[in-house]
Amino acid sequence: MSLSNISHVLEPRYPAAVDRYVDLGRFYDLTAAKAAADEVKAHTHAYQNAYVRAYHCLKAARQVELDAVAEVGRTFDVRRAERRVSGVIQRELRRSGGQRGRTTRRFLGSLTHKGYIWRFDSVDALCPRVYEFADSWELAGRYLARLHDAAAANGWDTIACAAPEEPERLEHLLIPGLGLAFVTSRPGMDYGNKPFRRIRLDAMAEPEGKSRLRFQTRMAALLREEGVAALKDAKANHDKLEAVYNPYVDFDGVRALAAMEIGRLLSYLG
């Protein structure tokens, strides 16, 4: 258990009547912790400042990226893409699944202090057949939403994976009952395996000013690299903060209280 598990407060919505405070602060050795106040302040300010740098860099990278996406989108052949997706729906999603058509929403990965991490192994474990959208410019979202709607309407349970930087937009769709998945692949988010079918959305756009697009792509990548470096700094300083605090926490007491609270909650289910 780390410092972050015991240093935050969640306000009860209905104090005493429904929920209540559980005081974990009593497990600090306050005298010893106060002696390390200067270290605590230094590491706290350092990790918070690093997060601010990360947010600024990632926000700037995203804005550059969105400008490029909008430019490409203006020349995208929507009708051609619609025809391809309509054909997929007719082949793959026309029969009834006999399920609830329930949607589970997940993220398949995200940007971390280690850079982008994607768990396409989850796709391969659940879905032997994979359609890959080759899509460098965020063109696939509307078609994944259409595929999702068709699957749900025909009674197939789905796992809809949103874009971490834009959660309302889908990047991947898994339909385990059919053993079928639709994934987006782009530089930095490469599916990496041989798909059952590949739909090249990039080939359906012919933007002008390709040198400008290349510049914007490089700029977004550099800003994102700076953001990742700042996330690394934030993690390193938070780890140092944890190391200062941990000797002053009675973790045995925390675990004993947690066991008691778990028992109390389970008793309500009995």
C-alpha atoms as a PDB file:
ATOM      1  CA  MET A   1       0.000   0.000   0.000  1.00  0.00           C
ATOM      2  CA  SER A   2       1.342   3.443  -0.861  1.00  0.00           C
ATOM      3  CA  LEU A   3       0.977   6.939   0.434  1.00  0.00           C
ATOM      4  CA  SER A   4      -1.589   7.734  -2.241  1.00  0.00           C
ATOM      5  CA  ASN A   5      -3.905   5.087  -0.783  1.00  0.00           C
ATOM      6  CA  ILE A   6      -4.199   6.815   2.544  1.00  0.00           C
ATOM      7  CA  SER A   7      -3.725  10.537   1.932  1.00  0.00           C
ATOM      8  CA  HIS A   8      -6.964  11.446   0.141  1.00  0.00           C
ATOM      9  CA  VAL A   9     -10.501  12.022   1.303  1.00  0.00           C
ATOM     10  CA  LEU A  10     -13.748  10.931  -0.333  1.00  0.00           C
ATOM     11  CA  GLU A  11     -16.662  12.882   1.109  1.00  0.00           C
ATOM     12  CA  PRO A  12     -19.641  10.815   2.280  1.00  0.00           C
ATOM     13  CA  ARG A  13     -22.755  11.576   0.275  1.00  0.00           C
ATOM     14  CA  TYR A  14     -25.115  10.699   3.146  1.00  0.00           C
ATOM     15  CA  PRO A  15     -22.957  10.910   6.312  1.00  0.00           C
ATOM     16  CA  ALA A  16     -23.798   8.350   9.017  1.00  0.00           C
ATOM     17  CA  ALA A  17     -27.161   7.443   7.449  1.00  0.00           C
ATOM     18  CA  VAL A  18     -25.568   5.602   4.539  1.00  0.00           C
ATOM     19  CA  ASP A  19     -21.797   6.124   4.526  1.00  0.00           C
ATOM     20  CA  ARG A  20     -19.164   7.530   6.849  1.00  0.00           C
ATOM     21  CA  TYR A  21     -15.556   8.603   7.196  1.00  0.00           C
ATOM     22  CA  VAL A  22     -12.899   5.954   7.735  1.00  0.00           C
ATOM     23  CA  ASP A  23      -9.953   7.719   9.366  1.00  0.00           C
ATOM     24  CA  LEU A  24      -6.673   6.346   8.006  1.00  0.00           C
ATOM     25  CA  GLY A  25      -4.715   9.409   9.114  1.00  0.00           C
ATOM     26  CA  ARG A  26      -4.402   7.949  12.602  1.00  0.00           C
ATOM     27  CA  PHE A  27      -1.885   5.455  11.234  1.00  0.00           C
ATOM     28  CA  TYR A  28       0.728   8.152  10.614  1.00  0.00           C
ATOM     29  CA  ASP A  29       3.578   8.700  13.068  1.00  0.00           C
ATOM     30  CA  LEU A  30       2.918  12.443  13.116  1.00  0.00           C
ATOM     31  CA  THR A  31       6.009  13.424  15.077  1.00  0.00           C
ATOM     32  CA  ALA A  32       8.355  11.592  12.725  1.00  0.00           C
ATOM     33  CA  ALA A  33       6.503  12.822   9.631  1.00  0.00           C
ATOM     34  CA  LYS A  34       6.700  16.454  10.757  1.00  0.00           C
ATOM     35  CA  ALA A  35      10.456  16.109  11.076  1.00  0.00           C
ATOM     36  CA  ALA A  36      10.565  15.354   7.342  1.00  0.00           C
ATOM     37  CA  ALA A  37       8.360  18.318   6.409  1.00  0.00           C
ATOM     38  CA  ASP A  38      10.970  20.019   4.203  1.00  0.00           C
ATOM     39  CA  GLU A  39      11.482  16.853   2.124  1.00  0.00           C
ATOM     40  CA  VAL A  40       7.734  16.326   1.832  1.00  0.00           C
ATOM     41  CA  LYS A  41       7.189  19.881   0.595  1.00  0.00           C
ATOM     42  CA  ALA A  42      10.062  19.716  -1.888  1.00  0.00           C
ATOM     43  CA  HIS A  43       8.951  16.434  -3.493  1.00  0.00           C
ATOM     44  CA  THR A  44       5.290  17.497  -3.478  1.00  0.00           C
ATOM     45  CA  HIS A  45       6.029  20.759  -5.293  1.00  0.00           C
ATOM     46  CA  ALA A  46       8.335  18.957  -7.728  1.00  0.00           C
ATOM     47  CA  TYR A  47       5.808  16.323  -8.791  1.00  0.00           C
ATOM     48  CA  GLN A  48       2.972  18.849  -9.015  1.00  0.00           C
ATOM     49  CA  ASN A  49       5.064  21.166 -11.194  1.00  0.00           C
ATOM     50  CA  ALA A  50       6.028  18.227 -13.411  1.00  0.00           C
ATOM     51  CA  TYR A  51       2.363  17.383 -13.926  1.00  0.00           C
ATOM     52  CA  VAL A  52       1.660  20.981 -14.933  1.00  0.00           C
ATOM     53  CA  ARG A  53       4.451  20.760 -17.540  1.00  0.00           C
ATOM     54  CA  ALA A  54       3.060  17.457 -18.785  1.00  0.00           C
ATOM     55  CA  TYR A  55      -0.461  18.844 -19.148  1.00  0.00           C
ATOM     56  CA  HIS A  56       0.771  21.906 -21.063  1.00  0.00           C
ATOM     57  CA  CYS A  57       2.857  19.826 -23.466  1.00  0.00           C
ATOM     58  CA  LEU A  58       0.155  17.233 -24.060  1.00  0.00           C
ATOM     59  CA  LYS A  59      -2.496  19.901 -24.562  1.00  0.00           C
ATOM     60  CA  ALA A  60      -0.297  21.667 -27.124  1.00  0.00           C
ATOM     61  CA  ALA A  61       0.446  18.384 -28.900  1.00  0.00           C
ATOM     62  CA  ARG A  62      -3.243  17.615 -29.087  1.00  0.00           C
ATOM     63  CA  GLN A  63      -4.080  21.008 -30.571  1.00  0.00           C
ATOM     64  CA  VAL A  64      -1.458  20.615 -33.297  1.00  0.00           C
ATOM     65  CA  GLU A  65      -2.784  17.130 -33.958  1.00  0.00           C
ATOM     66  CA  LEU A  66      -6.398  18.317 -34.213  1.00  0.00           C
ATOM     67  CA  ASP A  67      -5.454  20.973 -36.749  1.00  0.00           C
ATOM     68  CA  ALA A  68      -3.868  18.300 -38.941  1.00  0.00           C
ATOM     69  CA  VAL A  69      -6.852  15.961 -38.488  1.00  0.00           C
ATOM     70  CA  ALA A  70      -9.241  18.704 -39.600  1.00  0.00           C
ATOM     71  CA  GLU A  71      -7.121  19.409 -42.688  1.00  0.00           C
ATOM     72  CA  VAL A  72      -7.100  15.754 -43.754  1.00  0.00           C
ATOM     73  CA  GLY A  73     -10.792  15.319 -42.989  1.00  0.00           C
ATOM     74  CA  ARG A  74     -11.745  17.926 -45.575  1.00  0.00           C
ATOM     75  CA  THR A  75     -10.536  15.671 -48.409  1.00  0.00           C
ATOM     76  CA  PHE A  76     -11.705  12.350 -46.993  1.00  0.00           C
ATOM     77  CA  ASP A  77     -13.861  10.221 -49.316  1.00  0.00           C
ATOM     78  CA  VAL A  78     -16.761   9.585 -46.937  1.00  0.00           C
ATOM     79  CA  ARG A  79     -18.898   7.728 -49.483  1.00  0.00           C
ATOM     80  CA  ARG A  80     -16.149   5.256 -50.240  1.00  0.00           C
ATOM     81  CA  ALA A  81     -15.628   4.562 -46.548  1.00  0.00           C
ATOM     82  CA  GLU A  82     -19.380   4.205 -45.993  1.00  0.00           C
ATOM     83  CA  ARG A  83     -19.581   1.592 -48.744  1.00  0.00           C
ATOM     84  CA  ARG A  84     -16.750  -0.443 -47.206  1.00  0.00           C
ATOM     85  CA  VAL A  85     -18.308  -0.367 -43.756  1.00  0.00           C
ATOM     86  CA  SER A  86     -21.776  -1.184 -45.089  1.00  0.00           C
ATOM     87  CA  GLY A  87     -20.296  -4.263 -46.736  1.00  0.00           C
ATOM     88  CA  VAL A  88     -18.712  -5.331 -43.448  1.00  0.00           C
ATOM     89  CA  ILE A  89     -22.013  -4.940 -41.618  1.00  0.00           C
ATOM     90  CA  GLN A  90     -23.790  -7.055 -44.223  1.00  0.00           C
ATOM     91  CA  ARG A  91     -21.187  -9.812 -44.019  1.00  0.00           C
ATOM     92  CA  GLU A  92     -20.467  -9.869 -40.317  1.00  0.00           C
ATOM     93  CA  LEU A  93     -23.318  -8.357 -38.308  1.00  0.00           C
ATOM     94  CA  ARG A  94     -26.591  -9.219 -40.009  1.00  0.00           C
ATOM     95  CA  ARG A  95     -27.418 -12.325 -37.950  1.00  0.00           C
ATOM     96  CA  SER A  96     -28.899 -12.081 -34.479  1.00  0.00           C
ATOM     97  CA  GLY A  97     -26.682 -12.759 -31.500  1.00  0.00           C
ATOM     98  CA  GLY A  98     -29.350 -13.651 -28.986  1.00  0.00           C
ATOM     99  CA  GLN A  99     -27.530 -11.646 -26.317  1.00  0.00           C
ATOM    100  CA  ARG A 100     -28.512  -8.461 -24.509  1.00  0.00           C
ATOM    101  CA  GLY A 101     -26.641  -6.113 -26.795  1.00  0.00           C
ATOM    102  CA  ARG A 102     -24.898  -4.793 -23.685  1.00  0.00           C
ATOM    103  CA  THR A 103     -21.948  -2.415 -24.083  1.00  0.00           C
ATOM    104  CA  THR A 104     -18.934  -2.514 -21.783  1.00  0.00           C
ATOM    105  CA  ARG A 105     -16.750   0.573 -22.112  1.00  0.00           C
ATOM    106  CA  ARG A 106     -13.017   0.253 -21.633  1.00  0.00           C
ATOM    107  CA  PHE A 107      -9.689   1.804 -22.607  1.00  0.00           C
ATOM    108  CA  LEU A 108      -7.324  -0.479 -24.488  1.00  0.00           C
ATOM    109  CA  GLY A 109      -4.339   1.636 -23.490  1.00  0.00           C
ATOM    110  CA  SER A 110      -3.126   5.174 -22.967  1.00  0.00           C
ATOM    111  CA  LEU A 111      -0.150   7.484 -22.668  1.00  0.00           C
ATOM    112  CA  THR A 112       1.944   6.827 -19.552  1.00  0.00           C
ATOM    113  CA  HIS A 113       5.314   7.825 -18.135  1.00  0.00           C
ATOM    114  CA  LYS A 114       6.630   4.916 -20.245  1.00  0.00           C
ATOM    115  CA  GLY A 115       5.057   6.335 -23.391  1.00  0.00           C
ATOM    116  CA  TYR A 116       2.067   4.775 -25.118  1.00  0.00           C
ATOM    117  CA  ILE A 117       1.028   1.343 -23.890  1.00  0.00           C
ATOM    118  CA  TRP A 118      -1.585  -0.638 -25.845  1.00  0.00           C
ATOM    119  CA  ARG A 119      -2.940  -4.055 -24.865  1.00  0.00           C
ATOM    120  CA  PHE A 120      -3.735  -5.580 -28.226  1.00  0.00           C
ATOM    121  CA  ASP A 121      -3.078  -8.940 -26.570  1.00  0.00           C
ATOM    122  CA  SER A 122      -6.554  -8.539 -25.056  1.00  0.00           C
ATOM    123  CA  VAL A 123      -7.975  -8.268 -28.569  1.00  0.00           C
ATOM    124  CA  ASP A 124      -6.208 -11.420 -29.752  1.00  0.00           C
ATOM    125  CA  ALA A 125      -7.287 -13.351 -26.649  1.00  0.00           C
ATOM    126  CA  LEU A 126     -10.970 -12.583 -27.249  1.00  0.00           C
ATOM    127  CA  CYS A 127     -11.273 -12.189 -31.009  1.00  0.00           C
ATOM    128  CA  PRO A 128      -9.556 -14.472 -33.553  1.00  0.00           C
ATOM    129  CA  ARG A 129     -10.717 -12.337 -36.502  1.00  0.00           C
ATOM    130  CA  VAL A 130      -9.562  -8.733 -36.544  1.00  0.00           C
ATOM    131  CA  TYR A 131     -10.417  -5.972 -38.988  1.00  0.00           C
ATOM    132  CA  GLU A 132      -7.720  -3.308 -38.904  1.00  0.00           C
ATOM    133  CA  PHE A 133      -8.480   0.297 -39.818  1.00  0.00           C
ATOM    134  CA  ALA A 134      -5.233   1.872 -41.045  1.00  0.00           C
ATOM    135  CA  ASP A 135      -6.018   5.349 -39.797  1.00  0.00           C
ATOM    136  CA  SER A 136      -3.431   8.017 -39.005  1.00  0.00           C
ATOM    137  CA  TRP A 137      -5.937  10.880 -38.875  1.00  0.00           C
ATOM    138  CA  GLU A 138      -8.777   9.818 -36.557  1.00  0.00           C
ATOM    139  CA  LEU A 139     -11.137   8.981 -39.395  1.00  0.00           C
ATOM    140  CA  ALA A 140     -12.383   5.647 -38.052  1.00  0.00           C
ATOM    141  CA  GLY A 141     -14.423   6.841 -35.076  1.00  0.00           C
ATOM    142  CA  ARG A 142     -17.719   7.379 -36.884  1.00  0.00           C
ATOM    143  CA  TYR A 143     -17.476   3.973 -38.564  1.00  0.00           C
ATOM    144  CA  LEU A 144     -16.637   2.158 -35.341  1.00  0.00           C
ATOM    145  CA  ALA A 145     -19.678   3.848 -33.794  1.00  0.00           C
ATOM    146  CA  ARG A 146     -21.805   2.593 -36.689  1.00  0.00           C
ATOM    147  CA  LEU A 147     -20.431  -0.942 -36.319  1.00  0.00           C
ATOM    148  CA  HIS A 148     -21.105  -0.775 -32.595  1.00  0.00           C
ATOM    149  CA  ASP A 149     -24.706   0.313 -33.138  1.00  0.00           C
ATOM    150  CA  ALA A 150     -25.285  -2.484 -35.661  1.00  0.00           C
ATOM    151  CA  ALA A 151     -23.831  -5.113 -33.326  1.00  0.00           C
ATOM    152  CA  ALA A 152     -25.850  -3.925 -30.331  1.00  0.00           C
ATOM    153  CA  ALA A 153     -29.064  -3.710 -32.378  1.00  0.00           C
ATOM    154  CA  ASN A 154     -28.605  -7.326 -33.490  1.00  0.00           C
ATOM    155  CA  GLY A 155     -28.126  -8.546 -29.942  1.00  0.00           C
ATOM    156  CA  TRP A 156     -24.352  -8.822 -29.588  1.00  0.00           C
ATOM    157  CA  ASP A 157     -22.539  -7.796 -26.417  1.00  0.00           C
ATOM    158  CA  THR A 158     -19.642  -5.481 -27.212  1.00  0.00           C
ATOM    159  CA  ILE A 159     -16.545  -3.991 -25.616  1.00  0.00           C
ATOM    160  CA  ALA A 160     -16.231  -0.427 -26.877  1.00  0.00           C
ATOM    161  CA  CYS A 161     -12.745   1.044 -26.386  1.00  0.00           C
ATOM    162  CA  ALA A 162     -12.572   4.825 -26.359  1.00  0.00           C
ATOM    163  CA  ALA A 163      -9.719   7.122 -27.366  1.00  0.00           C
ATOM    164  CA  PRO A 164      -7.966   8.187 -24.132  1.00  0.00           C
ATOM    165  CA  GLU A 165      -7.604  11.817 -25.248  1.00  0.00           C
ATOM    166  CA  GLU A 166     -11.177  11.991 -26.595  1.00  0.00           C
ATOM    167  CA  PRO A 167     -13.356   9.474 -24.711  1.00  0.00           C
ATOM    168  CA  GLU A 168     -16.471  10.126 -26.806  1.00  0.00           C
ATOM    169  CA  ARG A 169     -14.662   8.733 -29.881  1.00  0.00           C
ATOM    170  CA  LEU A 170     -14.211   4.975 -30.338  1.00  0.00           C
ATOM    171  CA  GLU A 171     -10.838   3.585 -31.382  1.00  0.00           C
ATOM    172  CA  HIS A 172     -11.500  -0.155 -31.070  1.00  0.00           C
ATOM    173  CA  LEU A 173     -14.531  -2.432 -30.913  1.00  0.00           C
ATOM    174  CA  LEU A 174     -14.579  -6.021 -29.677  1.00  0.00           C
ATOM    175  CA  ILE A 175     -17.476  -8.431 -30.197  1.00  0.00           C
ATOM    176  CA  PRO A 176     -16.379 -11.553 -28.290  1.00  0.00           C
ATOM    177  CA  GLY A 177     -19.535 -13.510 -29.125  1.00  0.00           C
ATOM    178  CA  LEU A 178     -18.542 -13.372 -32.785  1.00  0.00           C
ATOM    179  CA  GLY A 179     -14.823 -13.647 -32.126  1.00  0.00           C
ATOM    180  CA  LEU A 180     -14.603 -10.412 -34.095  1.00  0.00           C
ATOM    181  CA  ALA A 181     -12.778  -7.145 -33.458  1.00  0.00           C
ATOM    182  CA  PHE A 182     -12.279  -3.844 -35.229  1.00  0.00           C
ATOM    183  CA  VAL A 183      -9.101  -1.998 -34.252  1.00  0.00           C
ATOM    184  CA  THR A 184      -7.479   1.244 -35.278  1.00  0.00           C
ATOM    185  CA  SER A 185      -3.799   1.165 -36.170  1.00  0.00           C
ATOM    186  CA  ARG A 186      -1.528   4.178 -36.587  1.00  0.00           C
ATOM    187  CA  PRO A 187       2.067   5.185 -35.815  1.00  0.00           C
ATOM    188  CA  GLY A 188       2.448   4.806 -32.051  1.00  0.00           C
ATOM    189  CA  MET A 189      -0.604   2.522 -31.872  1.00  0.00           C
ATOM    190  CA  ASP A 190       0.296  -0.314 -34.199  1.00  0.00           C
ATOM    191  CA  TYR A 191      -1.786  -3.482 -33.994  1.00  0.00           C
ATOM    192  CA  GLY A 192       1.339  -5.381 -34.993  1.00  0.00           C
ATOM    193  CA  ASN A 193      -0.242  -8.684 -36.062  1.00  0.00           C
ATOM    194  CA  LYS A 194      -1.630  -9.781 -39.396  1.00  0.00           C
ATOM    195  CA  PRO A 195      -5.318  -8.825 -39.492  1.00  0.00           C
ATOM    196  CA  PHE A 196      -8.143 -10.804 -41.048  1.00  0.00           C
ATOM    197  CA  ARG A 197      -8.935  -7.756 -43.190  1.00  0.00           C
ATOM    198  CA  ARG A 198      -7.385  -4.303 -43.485  1.00  0.00           C
ATOM    199  CA  ILE A 199      -9.319  -1.167 -44.400  1.00  0.00           C
ATOM    200  CA  ARG A 200      -6.969   1.631 -45.458  1.00  0.00           C
ATOM    201  CA  LEU A 201      -8.747   4.823 -44.463  1.00  0.00           C
ATOM    202  CA  ASP A 202      -5.540   6.808 -44.992  1.00  0.00           C
ATOM    203  CA  ALA A 203      -5.769   6.002 -48.704  1.00  0.00           C
ATOM    204  CA  MET A 204      -9.240   7.571 -48.864  1.00  0.00           C
ATOM    205  CA  ALA A 205      -7.936  11.108 -48.254  1.00  0.00           C
ATOM    206  CA  GLU A 206      -5.806  13.289 -50.512  1.00  0.00           C
ATOM    207  CA  PRO A 207      -4.841  16.331 -48.450  1.00  0.00           C
ATOM    208  CA  GLU A 208      -2.897  19.210 -49.912  1.00  0.00           C
ATOM    209  CA  GLY A 209       0.091  20.690 -48.122  1.00  0.00           C
ATOM    210  CA  LYS A 210       1.662  17.353 -47.224  1.00  0.00           C
ATOM    211  CA  SER A 211       4.897  19.014 -46.126  1.00  0.00           C
ATOM    212  CA  ARG A 212       2.896  21.052 -43.615  1.00  0.00           C
ATOM    213  CA  LEU A 213       1.206  17.890 -42.369  1.00  0.00           C
ATOM    214  CA  ARG A 214       4.593  16.236 -41.904  1.00  0.00           C
ATOM    215  CA  PHE A 215       5.769  19.263 -39.928  1.00  0.00           C
ATOM    216  CA  GLN A 216       2.651  19.168 -37.737  1.00  0.00           C
ATOM    217  CA  THR A 217       3.118  15.447 -37.143  1.00  0.00           C
ATOM    218  CA  ARG A 218       6.736  15.972 -36.060  1.00  0.00           C
ATOM    219  CA  MET A 219       5.770  18.895 -33.851  1.00  0.00           C
ATOM    220  CA  ALA A 220       3.010  16.932 -32.115  1.00  0.00           C
ATOM    221  CA  ALA A 221       5.413  14.020 -31.578  1.00  0.00           C
ATOM    222  CA  LEU A 222       8.064  16.298 -30.036  1.00  0.00           C
ATOM    223  CA  LEU A 223       5.542  17.958 -27.721  1.00  0.00           C
ATOM    224  CA  ARG A 224       4.252  14.563 -26.674  1.00  0.00           C
ATOM    225  CA  GLU A 225       7.808  13.394 -25.962  1.00  0.00           C
ATOM    226  CA  GLU A 226       8.238  16.403 -23.689  1.00  0.00           C
ATOM    227  CA  GLY A 227       4.970  15.507 -22.000  1.00  0.00           C
ATOM    228  CA  VAL A 228       6.159  11.946 -21.396  1.00  0.00           C
ATOM    229  CA  ALA A 229       9.445  13.245 -19.975  1.00  0.00           C
ATOM    230  CA  ALA A 230       7.470  15.431 -17.570  1.00  0.00           C
ATOM    231  CA  LEU A 231       5.330  12.440 -16.550  1.00  0.00           C
ATOM    232  CA  LYS A 232       8.549  10.543 -15.796  1.00  0.00           C
ATOM    233  CA  ASP A 233       9.703  13.424 -13.597  1.00  0.00           C
ATOM    234  CA  ALA A 234       6.352  13.472 -11.839  1.00  0.00           C
ATOM    235  CA  LYS A 235       6.498   9.758 -11.108  1.00  0.00           C
ATOM    236  CA  ALA A 236      10.106   9.932  -9.911  1.00  0.00           C
ATOM    237  CA  ASN A 237       9.308  12.723  -7.459  1.00  0.00           C
ATOM    238  CA  HIS A 238       6.127  11.038  -6.285  1.00  0.00           C
ATOM    239  CA  ASP A 239       8.141   7.870  -5.644  1.00  0.00           C
ATOM    240  CA  LYS A 240      10.569   9.930  -3.568  1.00  0.00           C
ATOM    241  CA  LEU A 241       7.629  11.336  -1.629  1.00  0.00           C
ATOM    242  CA  GLU A 242       6.343   7.830  -0.974  1.00  0.00           C
ATOM    243  CA  ALA A 243       9.770   6.797   0.262  1.00  0.00           C
ATOM    244  CA  VAL A 244       9.776   9.650   2.784  1.00  0.00           C
ATOM    245  CA  TYR A 245       6.308   8.840   4.113  1.00  0.00           C
ATOM    246  CA  ASN A 246       6.279   5.045   4.125  1.00  0.00           C
ATOM    247  CA  PRO A 247       8.491   4.538   7.224  1.00  0.00           C
ATOM    248  CA  TYR A 248       6.024   6.664   9.192  1.00  0.00           C
ATOM    249  CA  VAL A 249       2.895   4.675   8.333  1.00  0.00           C
ATOM    250  CA  ASP A 250       1.551   1.761  10.384  1.00  0.00           C
ATOM    251  CA  PHE A 251       0.581  -0.470   7.470  1.00  0.00           C
ATOM    252  CA  ASP A 252      -0.359  -3.361   9.753  1.00  0.00           C
ATOM    253  CA  GLY A 253      -2.943  -1.101  11.341  1.00  0.00           C
ATOM    254  CA  VAL A 254      -4.205  -0.020   7.917  1.00  0.00           C
ATOM    255  CA  ARG A 255      -4.581  -3.633   6.794  1.00  0.00           C
ATOM    256  CA  ALA A 256      -6.366  -4.620  10.027  1.00  0.00           C
ATOM    257  CA  LEU A 257      -8.849  -1.756   9.654  1.00  0.00           C
ATOM    258  CA  ALA A 258      -9.368  -2.614   5.966  1.00  0.00           C
ATOM    259  CA  ALA A 259     -10.156  -6.238   6.897  1.00  0.00           C
ATOM    260  CA  MET A 260     -12.656  -5.063   9.506  1.00  0.00           C
ATOM    261  CA  GLU A 261     -14.370  -2.721   7.041  1.00  0.00           C
ATOM    262  CA  ILE A 262     -14.520  -5.438   4.373  1.00  0.00           C
ATOM    263  CA  GLY A 263     -16.139  -7.784   6.895  1.00  0.00           C
ATOM    264  CA  ARG A 264     -18.673  -5.110   7.806  1.00  0.00           C
ATOM    265  CA  LEU A 265     -19.584  -4.512   4.153  1.00  0.00           C
ATOM    266  CA  LEU A 266     -19.878  -8.244   3.435  1.00  0.00           C
ATOM    267  CA  SER A 267     -22.180  -8.636   6.420  1.00  0.00           C
ATOM    268  CA  TYR A 268     -24.708  -6.402   4.675  1.00  0.00           C
ATOM    269  CA  LEU A 269     -24.764  -8.815   1.731  1.00  0.00           C
ATOM    270  CA  GLY A 270     -25.517 -11.795   3.948  1.00  0.00           C
END
